[in-house]
Protein backbone atom coordinates (compact mmCIF):
# COMPACT_ATOMS: atom_id res chain seq x y z
CA MET A 1 8.54 8.02 111.77
CA SER A 2 7.84 5.81 108.79
CA VAL A 3 6.55 6.23 105.23
CA VAL A 4 5.30 4.27 102.26
CA ILE A 5 6.87 5.13 98.90
CA ALA A 6 4.79 4.94 95.75
CA ILE A 7 6.39 4.54 92.33
CA ASP A 8 4.22 6.06 89.60
CA ALA A 9 5.49 5.07 86.15
CA GLY A 10 3.24 7.14 83.91
CA THR A 11 3.07 7.99 80.23
CA THR A 12 5.14 11.17 80.23
CA GLY A 13 7.33 10.57 83.27
CA VAL A 14 8.23 8.58 86.37
CA ARG A 15 7.71 9.74 89.94
CA ALA A 16 8.39 8.49 93.45
CA ILE A 17 6.40 9.96 96.34
CA ALA A 18 6.71 9.20 100.04
CA PHE A 19 3.48 9.38 102.07
CA ASP A 20 3.04 9.60 105.82
CA HIS A 21 0.30 8.01 107.93
CA HIS A 22 -2.05 10.92 107.18
CA GLY A 23 -1.76 10.32 103.43
CA ARG A 24 0.31 13.46 102.95
CA SER A 25 3.19 13.68 100.53
CA VAL A 26 6.41 14.34 102.44
CA ARG A 27 9.00 13.93 99.68
CA SER A 28 8.88 13.44 95.92
CA ALA A 29 11.05 13.26 92.83
CA SER A 30 10.27 12.98 89.14
CA THR A 31 11.86 12.64 85.73
CA GLU A 32 10.48 12.78 82.20
CA LEU A 33 10.34 9.93 79.69
CA THR A 34 11.34 10.20 76.04
CA GLN A 35 8.42 9.69 73.67
CA HIS A 36 9.28 7.73 70.51
CA PHE A 37 7.07 8.08 67.42
CA PRO A 38 8.66 5.78 64.79
CA ARG A 39 5.66 6.11 62.44
CA PRO A 40 2.39 8.05 62.40
CA GLY A 41 0.11 6.58 65.06
CA TRP A 42 2.91 4.61 66.74
CA VAL A 43 4.02 5.46 70.29
CA GLU A 44 6.87 3.68 72.08
CA HIS A 45 8.96 3.96 75.25
CA ASP A 46 12.41 2.62 76.07
CA ALA A 47 11.87 0.06 78.84
CA ASP A 48 15.44 0.53 80.09
CA GLU A 49 14.81 4.27 80.34
CA ILE A 50 11.70 3.59 82.45
CA TRP A 51 13.78 1.42 84.76
CA ALA A 52 16.58 3.99 84.96
CA GLY A 53 14.03 6.68 85.79
CA VAL A 54 12.57 4.56 88.58
CA GLN A 55 16.02 3.97 90.03
CA GLN A 56 16.75 7.69 89.91
CA VAL A 57 13.60 8.93 91.62
CA LEU A 58 13.41 6.03 94.07
CA GLY A 59 17.00 6.65 95.10
CA GLU A 60 16.37 10.38 95.59
CA VAL A 61 13.26 9.90 97.72
CA THR A 62 14.62 6.98 99.74
CA GLY A 63 17.81 8.87 100.51
CA ALA A 64 15.92 11.98 101.56
CA VAL A 65 13.40 10.28 103.88
CA ARG A 66 16.04 8.08 105.50
CA ALA A 67 18.23 11.13 106.08
CA GLU A 68 15.29 12.59 107.99
CA GLY A 69 14.98 9.47 110.14
CA HIS A 70 12.03 7.83 108.37
CA ASP A 71 11.78 4.09 107.79
CA VAL A 72 10.43 2.85 104.44
CA VAL A 73 7.65 0.40 105.32
CA ALA A 74 6.78 -0.69 101.79
CA LEU A 75 6.70 0.19 98.12
CA GLY A 76 3.55 0.61 96.07
CA ILE A 77 3.62 0.61 92.26
CA THR A 78 1.18 2.16 89.82
CA VAL A 79 1.71 2.28 86.07
CA GLN A 80 0.35 3.26 82.65
CA ARG A 81 -1.66 0.03 82.37
CA GLU A 82 -1.98 -1.25 78.76
CA THR A 83 1.62 -0.50 77.74
CA VAL A 84 3.52 -3.78 77.16
CA VAL A 85 7.13 -4.82 77.68
CA VAL A 86 8.78 -8.01 76.40
CA TRP A 87 12.16 -9.08 77.78
CA ASP A 88 14.56 -11.99 78.09
CA ARG A 89 14.54 -13.66 81.50
CA THR A 90 18.18 -14.69 81.28
CA ASP A 91 19.65 -11.21 81.15
CA GLY A 92 16.71 -8.82 81.62
CA ARG A 93 17.22 -7.35 78.17
CA PRO A 94 14.14 -5.77 76.52
CA LEU A 95 13.43 -7.45 73.17
CA HIS A 96 11.62 -4.42 71.73
CA ARG A 97 10.68 -0.94 72.82
CA ALA A 98 7.60 -0.87 75.03
CA ILE A 99 4.46 -0.28 72.96
CA VAL A 100 2.44 2.43 74.68
CA TRP A 101 -1.31 2.42 75.34
CA GLN A 102 -1.74 5.35 72.92
CA ASP A 103 -0.29 3.34 70.02
CA ARG A 104 -2.71 2.69 67.11
CA ARG A 105 -0.71 0.33 64.88
CA THR A 106 -3.14 -2.55 65.37
CA ALA A 107 -6.34 -0.68 64.46
CA GLU A 108 -6.78 -2.65 61.23
CA ARG A 109 -6.19 -5.93 63.06
CA CYS A 110 -8.88 -5.02 65.58
CA ARG A 111 -11.33 -4.46 62.73
CA GLU A 112 -10.40 -7.83 61.24
CA LEU A 113 -11.00 -9.57 64.55
CA ALA A 114 -14.37 -7.88 64.97
CA ALA A 115 -15.37 -8.84 61.42
CA ALA A 116 -14.37 -12.43 62.19
CA GLY A 117 -16.83 -12.49 65.10
CA HIS A 118 -14.45 -12.29 68.07
CA LEU A 119 -15.87 -9.14 69.69
CA GLY A 120 -18.48 -11.09 71.68
CA LEU A 121 -15.84 -13.30 73.29
CA VAL A 122 -13.68 -10.30 74.16
CA ARG A 123 -16.60 -8.39 75.69
CA ARG A 124 -17.86 -11.36 77.74
CA ARG A 125 -14.51 -12.41 79.16
CA THR A 126 -12.63 -9.13 79.53
CA GLY A 127 -15.22 -6.32 79.69
CA LEU A 128 -13.18 -4.50 77.05
CA VAL A 129 -13.63 -3.74 73.36
CA LEU A 130 -11.54 -4.64 70.33
CA ASP A 131 -9.39 -1.55 70.23
CA PRO A 132 -5.62 -1.05 69.75
CA TYR A 133 -5.62 0.69 73.15
CA PHE A 134 -5.34 -2.68 74.90
CA SER A 135 -2.34 -4.99 75.16
CA ALA A 136 -3.31 -8.20 73.36
CA THR A 137 -3.06 -6.99 69.77
CA LYS A 138 0.19 -5.20 70.62
CA LEU A 139 1.62 -8.53 71.79
CA GLU A 140 0.30 -10.28 68.70
CA TRP A 141 1.99 -7.64 66.52
CA LEU A 142 5.29 -8.12 68.34
CA HIS A 143 5.52 -11.81 67.49
CA THR A 144 3.89 -11.71 64.05
CA VAL A 145 5.37 -8.49 62.66
CA GLY A 146 7.85 -7.12 65.19
CA GLY A 147 10.28 -10.03 65.05
CA VAL A 148 9.97 -11.06 68.71
CA SER A 149 9.82 -14.82 69.36
CA PHE A 150 7.90 -15.98 72.43
CA GLY A 151 10.26 -18.70 73.63
CA PRO A 152 11.01 -20.45 76.96
CA THR A 153 13.11 -17.52 78.23
CA THR A 154 10.67 -14.78 77.15
CA ALA A 155 8.81 -12.70 79.72
CA VAL A 156 5.83 -10.50 78.88
CA GLY A 157 4.07 -7.98 81.06
CA THR A 158 2.69 -4.54 81.65
CA VAL A 159 5.10 -1.98 83.10
CA ASP A 160 4.45 -3.07 86.70
CA ALA A 161 5.63 -6.61 85.94
CA TRP A 162 8.77 -5.22 84.28
CA LEU A 163 9.56 -3.03 87.28
CA ILE A 164 8.97 -5.79 89.83
CA TRP A 165 11.25 -8.07 87.80
CA LYS A 166 13.98 -5.43 87.84
CA LEU A 167 13.48 -4.42 91.49
CA THR A 168 13.78 -8.06 92.58
CA ASP A 169 16.77 -8.79 90.33
CA GLY A 170 14.72 -11.19 88.22
CA GLN A 171 13.26 -13.18 91.12
CA ALA A 172 9.56 -12.33 90.67
CA HIS A 173 7.43 -12.30 87.52
CA VAL A 174 4.11 -11.07 88.87
CA THR A 175 1.39 -8.53 88.16
CA ASP A 176 -1.82 -7.47 89.85
CA VAL A 177 -5.33 -8.16 88.67
CA THR A 178 -6.11 -4.54 87.71
CA ASN A 179 -3.23 -4.29 85.25
CA ALA A 180 -3.92 -7.81 83.98
CA SER A 181 -7.54 -6.82 83.36
CA ARG A 182 -6.35 -4.27 80.77
CA THR A 183 -4.46 -6.74 78.59
CA MET A 184 -7.55 -8.24 76.89
CA LEU A 185 -6.22 -11.64 78.01
CA LEU A 186 -7.75 -11.89 81.50
CA ASP A 187 -11.13 -13.37 82.39
CA ILE A 188 -12.25 -10.67 84.81
CA ALA A 189 -14.89 -12.90 86.41
CA THR A 190 -12.29 -15.48 87.50
CA GLY A 191 -9.20 -13.27 87.75
CA GLU A 192 -7.19 -15.76 85.67
CA TRP A 193 -5.61 -15.69 82.23
CA CYS A 194 -8.06 -16.88 79.59
CA PRO A 195 -6.53 -19.74 77.50
CA GLU A 196 -8.98 -19.11 74.65
CA LEU A 197 -7.92 -15.48 74.29
CA CYS A 198 -4.24 -16.31 74.73
CA ASP A 199 -4.59 -18.79 71.85
CA LEU A 200 -6.43 -16.19 69.73
CA PHE A 201 -3.59 -13.69 70.08
CA GLY A 202 -0.76 -16.22 70.10
CA VAL A 203 0.47 -15.45 73.62
CA PRO A 204 1.69 -18.56 75.49
CA LEU A 205 0.51 -18.73 79.09
CA GLU A 206 4.03 -19.47 80.30
CA VAL A 207 5.37 -16.04 79.21
CA LEU A 208 2.76 -14.16 81.27
CA PRO A 209 3.21 -13.10 84.90
CA GLU A 210 1.41 -14.61 87.86
CA VAL A 211 -1.73 -12.61 88.71
CA ARG A 212 -2.09 -11.46 92.33
CA PRO A 213 -4.55 -9.31 94.33
CA SER A 214 -3.79 -5.59 94.38
CA SER A 215 -2.77 -5.53 98.05
CA GLY A 216 -0.41 -8.06 99.59
CA ARG A 217 3.29 -8.79 99.59
CA PHE A 218 4.30 -9.39 95.96
CA ALA A 219 8.03 -9.69 96.68
CA THR A 220 10.88 -7.88 98.43
CA THR A 221 13.46 -5.76 96.69
CA GLY A 222 16.87 -7.09 95.79
CA ALA A 223 20.22 -5.43 96.31
CA VAL A 224 20.01 -3.85 92.84
CA ALA A 225 17.05 -1.63 93.86
CA ALA A 226 17.89 1.98 94.65
CA CYS A 227 16.03 1.67 97.98
CA GLY A 228 18.22 -1.27 99.00
CA ALA A 229 17.33 -4.90 99.61
CA GLY A 230 14.48 -6.25 101.67
CA VAL A 231 11.82 -3.57 101.18
CA PRO A 232 8.38 -5.18 100.65
CA ILE A 233 6.59 -4.49 97.37
CA SER A 234 3.06 -4.78 98.73
CA GLY A 235 0.65 -2.80 96.56
CA VAL A 236 0.23 -2.70 92.79
CA ALA A 237 -2.52 -1.22 90.63
CA GLY A 238 -3.12 0.37 87.27
CA ASP A 239 -3.02 4.15 87.44
CA GLN A 240 -6.75 4.75 87.11
CA GLN A 241 -7.75 2.06 89.60
CA ALA A 242 -5.14 3.40 92.01
CA ALA A 243 -6.68 6.87 91.70
CA LEU A 244 -10.16 5.45 92.43
CA PHE A 245 -8.74 3.82 95.56
CA GLY A 246 -6.79 6.94 96.53
CA GLN A 247 -10.00 8.96 96.24
CA ALA A 248 -11.65 6.59 98.76
CA CYS A 249 -14.41 5.64 96.31
CA PHE A 250 -15.24 2.47 98.23
CA GLU A 251 -19.04 2.52 97.93
CA PRO A 252 -20.90 1.49 94.75
CA GLY A 253 -21.92 4.57 92.79
CA THR A 254 -18.98 6.73 93.85
CA ALA A 255 -16.83 7.95 90.98
CA LYS A 256 -13.67 9.84 90.14
CA CYS A 257 -12.16 11.45 87.08
CA THR A 258 -8.41 11.78 86.60
CA PHE A 259 -7.40 14.58 84.24
CA GLY A 260 -3.99 13.78 82.79
CA THR A 261 -2.69 13.01 79.31
CA GLY A 262 -6.14 11.52 78.82
CA SER A 263 -9.11 11.62 81.18
CA PHE A 264 -10.52 8.55 82.84
CA VAL A 265 -13.80 8.30 84.70
CA LEU A 266 -14.24 5.24 86.93
CA MET A 267 -17.36 4.37 88.91
CA ASN A 268 -17.37 1.71 91.62
CA VAL A 269 -20.09 -0.83 90.75
CA GLY A 270 -19.52 -3.27 93.61
CA GLY A 271 -18.46 -6.87 93.99
CA ILE A 272 -20.49 -8.51 91.23
CA CYS A 273 -19.03 -8.40 87.73
CA PRO A 274 -21.64 -6.61 85.59
CA GLU A 275 -22.59 -7.49 82.05
CA PRO A 276 -20.86 -5.44 79.34
CA VAL A 277 -22.64 -2.26 78.24
CA ASP A 278 -22.19 -0.32 75.02
CA GLY A 279 -19.79 2.60 75.18
CA LEU A 280 -18.18 1.68 78.51
CA LEU A 281 -15.51 -0.70 79.72
CA THR A 282 -15.93 -3.06 82.64
CA THR A 283 -12.74 -3.45 84.62
CA VAL A 284 -11.40 -4.74 87.92
CA ALA A 285 -11.17 -1.83 90.34
CA TRP A 286 -9.09 -3.76 92.91
CA ALA A 287 -8.89 -7.09 94.69
CA LEU A 288 -8.21 -7.17 98.43
CA PRO A 289 -7.47 -10.20 100.63
CA GLU A 290 -9.98 -10.94 103.37
CA ALA A 291 -9.24 -12.12 106.90
CA ASP A 292 -10.54 -15.61 106.07
CA GLY A 293 -8.05 -16.02 103.23
CA THR A 294 -10.50 -15.27 100.41
CA VAL A 295 -10.12 -12.38 97.99
CA ALA A 296 -12.81 -9.70 97.56
CA THR A 297 -12.89 -8.21 94.06
CA THR A 298 -14.48 -4.84 93.31
CA TYR A 299 -15.45 -3.90 89.75
CA ALA A 300 -15.82 -0.57 87.99
CA TYR A 301 -17.29 0.94 84.87
CA GLU A 302 -14.72 3.01 83.02
CA GLY A 303 -14.88 5.68 80.40
CA ALA A 304 -11.59 6.46 78.67
CA VAL A 305 -11.01 9.82 76.97
CA PHE A 306 -7.76 9.66 75.03
CA ALA A 307 -6.74 13.31 74.61
CA THR A 308 -7.35 15.96 77.26
CA GLY A 309 -3.98 17.06 78.63
CA ALA A 310 -2.58 15.87 75.31
CA ALA A 311 -4.89 18.35 73.55
CA VAL A 312 -3.53 21.18 75.71
CA GLN A 313 0.00 20.04 74.87
CA TRP A 314 -0.99 20.20 71.20
CA LEU A 315 -2.03 23.83 71.65
CA ARG A 316 1.41 24.47 73.14
CA ASP A 317 3.72 22.31 71.03
CA GLY A 318 1.80 21.85 67.79
CA LEU A 319 0.21 25.26 67.30
CA GLY A 320 2.29 27.52 69.56
CA ILE A 321 -0.86 29.19 70.88
CA ILE A 322 0.37 29.01 74.48
CA GLU A 323 3.87 28.84 75.97
CA ARG A 324 3.01 26.69 79.00
CA ALA A 325 0.17 24.26 79.65
CA ALA A 326 -0.91 26.41 82.62
CA ASP A 327 -1.49 29.33 80.22
CA ALA A 328 -4.54 27.57 78.75
CA ASP A 329 -6.70 28.38 81.77
CA VAL A 330 -5.63 32.02 81.80
CA LEU A 331 -6.25 32.49 78.07
CA ALA A 332 -9.58 30.64 78.09
CA ALA A 333 -10.83 32.80 80.95
CA THR A 334 -10.43 35.96 78.85
CA VAL A 335 -13.54 35.06 76.81
CA ALA A 336 -17.03 34.24 78.06
CA ASP A 337 -17.43 31.26 75.75
CA SER A 338 -15.85 29.65 72.70
CA GLY A 339 -17.66 31.95 70.26
CA GLY A 340 -19.38 28.96 68.67
CA VAL A 341 -16.14 27.07 68.03
CA VAL A 342 -16.16 23.31 68.68
CA VAL A 343 -12.93 21.32 68.93
CA VAL A 344 -13.15 17.52 68.92
CA PRO A 345 -9.66 16.46 70.07
CA ALA A 346 -9.69 13.04 68.44
CA LEU A 347 -5.92 13.16 68.01
CA THR A 348 -5.60 9.38 68.38
CA GLY A 349 -9.21 8.42 67.70
CA LEU A 350 -12.08 8.62 70.17
CA GLY A 351 -12.56 6.46 73.25
CA SER A 352 -15.71 6.22 75.37
CA PRO A 353 -18.51 6.14 74.54
CA TRP A 354 -17.80 6.02 70.76
CA TRP A 355 -14.73 3.75 70.51
CA ASP A 356 -13.78 4.88 67.03
CA PRO A 357 -10.04 4.60 66.20
CA GLN A 358 -10.74 6.20 62.79
CA ALA A 359 -12.08 9.45 64.29
CA ARG A 360 -9.79 12.42 63.77
CA GLY A 361 -9.48 15.85 65.32
CA THR A 362 -12.03 18.36 64.10
CA ILE A 363 -12.40 22.15 64.47
CA LEU A 364 -15.76 23.64 63.54
CA GLY A 365 -17.48 27.02 63.78
CA ILE A 366 -14.50 29.26 62.96
CA THR A 367 -15.32 32.81 61.85
CA ARG A 368 -13.28 35.96 61.25
CA GLY A 369 -13.92 36.80 64.89
CA THR A 370 -12.34 33.61 66.21
CA THR A 371 -9.25 34.19 68.35
CA ARG A 372 -6.70 31.91 69.95
CA ALA A 373 -8.61 32.42 73.22
CA HIS A 374 -11.78 30.98 71.65
CA LEU A 375 -9.86 28.00 70.29
CA THR A 376 -8.23 27.38 73.66
CA ARG A 377 -11.54 27.60 75.49
CA ALA A 378 -13.09 25.17 72.99
CA VAL A 379 -10.38 22.64 73.85
CA LEU A 380 -11.11 22.97 77.57
CA GLU A 381 -14.85 22.77 76.91
CA ALA A 382 -14.23 19.54 74.99
CA ILE A 383 -12.79 18.03 78.19
CA ALA A 384 -16.04 18.85 79.99
CA PHE A 385 -18.26 17.61 77.16
CA GLN A 386 -16.45 14.28 76.98
CA THR A 387 -16.66 13.87 80.75
CA ARG A 388 -20.41 14.47 80.58
CA ASP A 389 -20.81 11.89 77.81
CA VAL A 390 -19.07 9.27 79.95
CA VAL A 391 -20.94 10.16 83.15
CA ASP A 392 -24.29 10.02 81.33
CA ALA A 393 -23.42 6.59 79.93
CA MET A 394 -22.47 5.33 83.40
CA ALA A 395 -25.67 6.60 84.96
CA ALA A 396 -27.72 4.84 82.28
CA ALA A 397 -25.76 1.58 82.65
CA SER A 398 -25.70 1.45 86.46
CA GLY A 399 -29.13 2.87 87.14
CA ARG A 400 -27.49 5.29 89.58
CA GLN A 401 -27.35 9.05 89.24
CA LEU A 402 -24.05 10.70 89.96
CA THR A 403 -23.85 12.02 93.51
CA GLY A 404 -20.72 14.10 93.17
CA LEU A 405 -17.58 13.48 91.16
CA ARG A 406 -14.09 13.43 92.69
CA ALA A 407 -11.40 14.89 90.45
CA ASP A 408 -7.63 14.66 90.44
CA GLY A 409 -4.62 14.84 88.16
CA GLY A 410 -2.54 17.67 86.78
CA GLY A 411 -5.38 18.84 84.54
CA ALA A 412 -7.88 19.26 87.39
CA THR A 413 -7.68 23.05 87.27
CA ASP A 414 -10.30 25.50 88.49
CA VAL A 415 -11.45 26.43 84.98
CA VAL A 416 -11.71 22.83 83.79
CA LEU A 417 -13.54 21.61 86.90
CA GLN A 418 -16.07 24.46 86.73
CA LEU A 419 -16.78 23.58 83.10
CA VAL A 420 -17.19 19.92 84.10
CA ALA A 421 -19.56 20.78 86.97
CA ASP A 422 -21.66 22.89 84.59
CA GLN A 423 -21.94 20.00 82.14
CA VAL A 424 -22.54 17.07 84.52
CA GLY A 425 -24.92 19.17 86.60
CA ASP A 426 -23.42 18.10 89.91
CA ALA A 427 -20.67 19.04 92.32
CA VAL A 428 -17.06 18.22 91.42
CA SER A 429 -14.65 17.94 94.35
CA ARG A 430 -10.86 18.12 94.26
CA PRO A 431 -8.99 16.68 97.26
CA VAL A 432 -6.16 18.32 99.16
CA GLU A 433 -3.79 15.56 98.02
CA ARG A 434 -3.92 15.67 94.22
CA ASP A 435 -1.46 12.82 93.62
CA THR A 436 -4.21 10.29 94.22
CA THR A 437 -2.80 7.82 91.70
CA ALA A 438 0.42 7.46 93.69
CA LEU A 439 -1.51 7.73 96.97
CA GLY A 440 -3.77 4.83 95.98
CA ALA A 441 -0.75 2.61 95.31
CA ALA A 442 0.71 3.65 98.66
CA TYR A 443 -2.55 2.83 100.45
CA LEU A 444 -2.67 -0.64 98.87
CA ALA A 445 0.90 -1.30 100.00
CA GLY A 446 0.46 0.20 103.45
CA LEU A 447 -2.73 -1.74 104.16
CA ALA A 448 -0.88 -4.99 103.39
CA GLU A 449 1.87 -4.12 105.86
CA GLY A 450 -0.36 -2.73 108.64
CA PHE A 451 0.75 0.88 108.14
CA TRP A 452 -2.95 1.69 107.74
CA ALA A 453 -5.31 -0.55 109.68
CA SER A 454 -8.35 -0.51 107.42
CA LEU A 455 -10.27 1.32 104.72
CA ASP A 456 -11.61 3.58 107.46
CA ASP A 457 -8.11 5.07 107.81
CA VAL A 458 -8.12 5.87 104.11
CA ARG A 459 -11.58 7.46 104.30
CA ALA A 460 -10.50 9.59 107.25
CA ASN A 461 -7.50 10.93 105.31
CA TRP A 462 -9.55 12.16 102.33
CA ALA A 463 -10.17 15.92 102.53
CA VAL A 464 -11.60 18.48 100.09
CA ASP A 465 -9.41 21.25 98.72
CA ALA A 466 -12.09 22.84 96.52
CA SER A 467 -15.61 22.02 95.39
CA PHE A 468 -17.21 23.31 92.19
CA GLU A 469 -21.00 23.62 91.96
CA PRO A 470 -22.91 23.98 88.68
CA ALA A 471 -23.15 27.69 87.85
CA ALA A 472 -24.12 27.82 84.16
CA ASP A 473 -27.66 28.14 82.89
CA ARG A 474 -28.86 24.57 82.23
CA GLN A 475 -30.39 25.42 78.88
CA ALA A 476 -27.16 27.05 77.70
CA ALA A 477 -25.10 24.08 78.95
CA ASP A 478 -27.34 21.65 77.05
CA ALA A 479 -27.16 23.76 73.89
CA GLY A 480 -23.37 23.74 74.05
CA HIS A 481 -23.38 19.98 74.49
CA ALA A 482 -25.74 19.54 71.54
CA ARG A 483 -23.36 21.58 69.38
CA TRP A 484 -20.49 19.38 70.61
CA THR A 485 -22.43 16.24 69.66
CA ARG A 486 -22.83 17.53 66.10
CA GLY A 487 -19.07 18.09 65.99
CA VAL A 488 -18.38 14.54 67.15
CA GLU A 489 -20.63 13.16 64.43
CA ARG A 490 -18.46 14.89 61.83
CA SER A 491 -15.22 13.51 63.28
CA LEU A 492 -16.30 9.85 63.36
CA ARG A 493 -14.78 7.38 60.87
CA TRP A 494 -12.84 10.22 59.21
CA ASP A 495 -9.78 8.02 58.61
CA GLU A 496 -11.69 4.84 57.90
CA GLY A 497 -9.67 2.35 55.90
CA MET A 498 -6.53 4.49 56.03
CA ASP A 499 -4.61 2.78 58.86
CA SER A 500 -3.11 0.34 56.35
CA ARG A 501 -0.82 3.23 55.31
CA THR A 502 1.15 2.71 58.53
């Protein structure tokens, strides 16, 4: 009677979920996070609020499972990757609000760096692109504009490092290689911080956390933690890598797509770090210790779509077209198609495969016959079109055709997944356990502590809830995608040169 608890500190909220040996959720708790928008294009979180939320949900779940006689074997942590926190080691006080991955304040700086010839270095060492999405320019902004000095008592990290620091009462300043790979400061071939990039962005090596494999004992909790002292923290991964692991995508060529605030497609490309390819990111999928003491690193291609669930929220909160996010599926299903309407939800620019921070949201094809149902369906179709664009880019880069796509996340609804299957032209499978991000973190922790013996245990736990086969006429699907492509072309570089306003 034992469980592993996963902490999932996401963009819109914080969750704790306890999983049993079969990978089933037995208890969970969640709380929302306040979103701060101090200026157009800026997105921030209160790091203390993140910590308070973790304490709340961890306390609720730990209390519940222990009351039922379960032991907590370990904690796993998964987080919203590129978001950065800076704090003082002496008192644990945040020195600035956390700057969230969605934040675009450094778009102009990214253009300057590209114009100065630094893109090649970034691509070779990190597998990323010069985009404000990633952490390095956020950190540079903090110490050049934001008034934060990087001194001997300063600590810098992604949200996982902040939470481990707090859970251990300031005894451990560590991160895992997947989160580190999203900072634009890590050499993904060596798994170590890159001094050349740290110098470029003005980030001293001594303020950064120690980089560890994704599975293994990072530390044990201190008395301050809501779960009590002495619980091993044994698995850490960025949210999308955790979902890839939770979906048991262990063979090269297997892929998953998580439909959340944004959508993220990751494809396992094996143990050799591939050369960068246009339109896609190369990232560390996970690093696992071997029996002989070595570490085996697995890499992935990634396509990042910035606004999918966020686009549905915009329909609800910005336009008032729907009352609840779940209403989007119902309303979209009342029409056979979008009536020729194309929505490009470039609400914070476009990610893969265009990587254009100056792109802006575009609605085309409106007529007097257009209804809110057509507009809603066009938003859901945009999710499918963007997924197809990423999958096509991955197939071209890897030389492998997609052999089924595994889907998860709150946005993996029946309507959306059918639209995706129609566009990618292959089956899309949704597992019984949809919280694969948290599950992946739990697996990484449980493997380190012997709760699961091997990857075979993880494979055996994966089970299909629903599978969606392509049903649309291929010619019609391609015509819809061609219309979408024309819409994207009109949205690109719309706000070029205007980010200096903010």
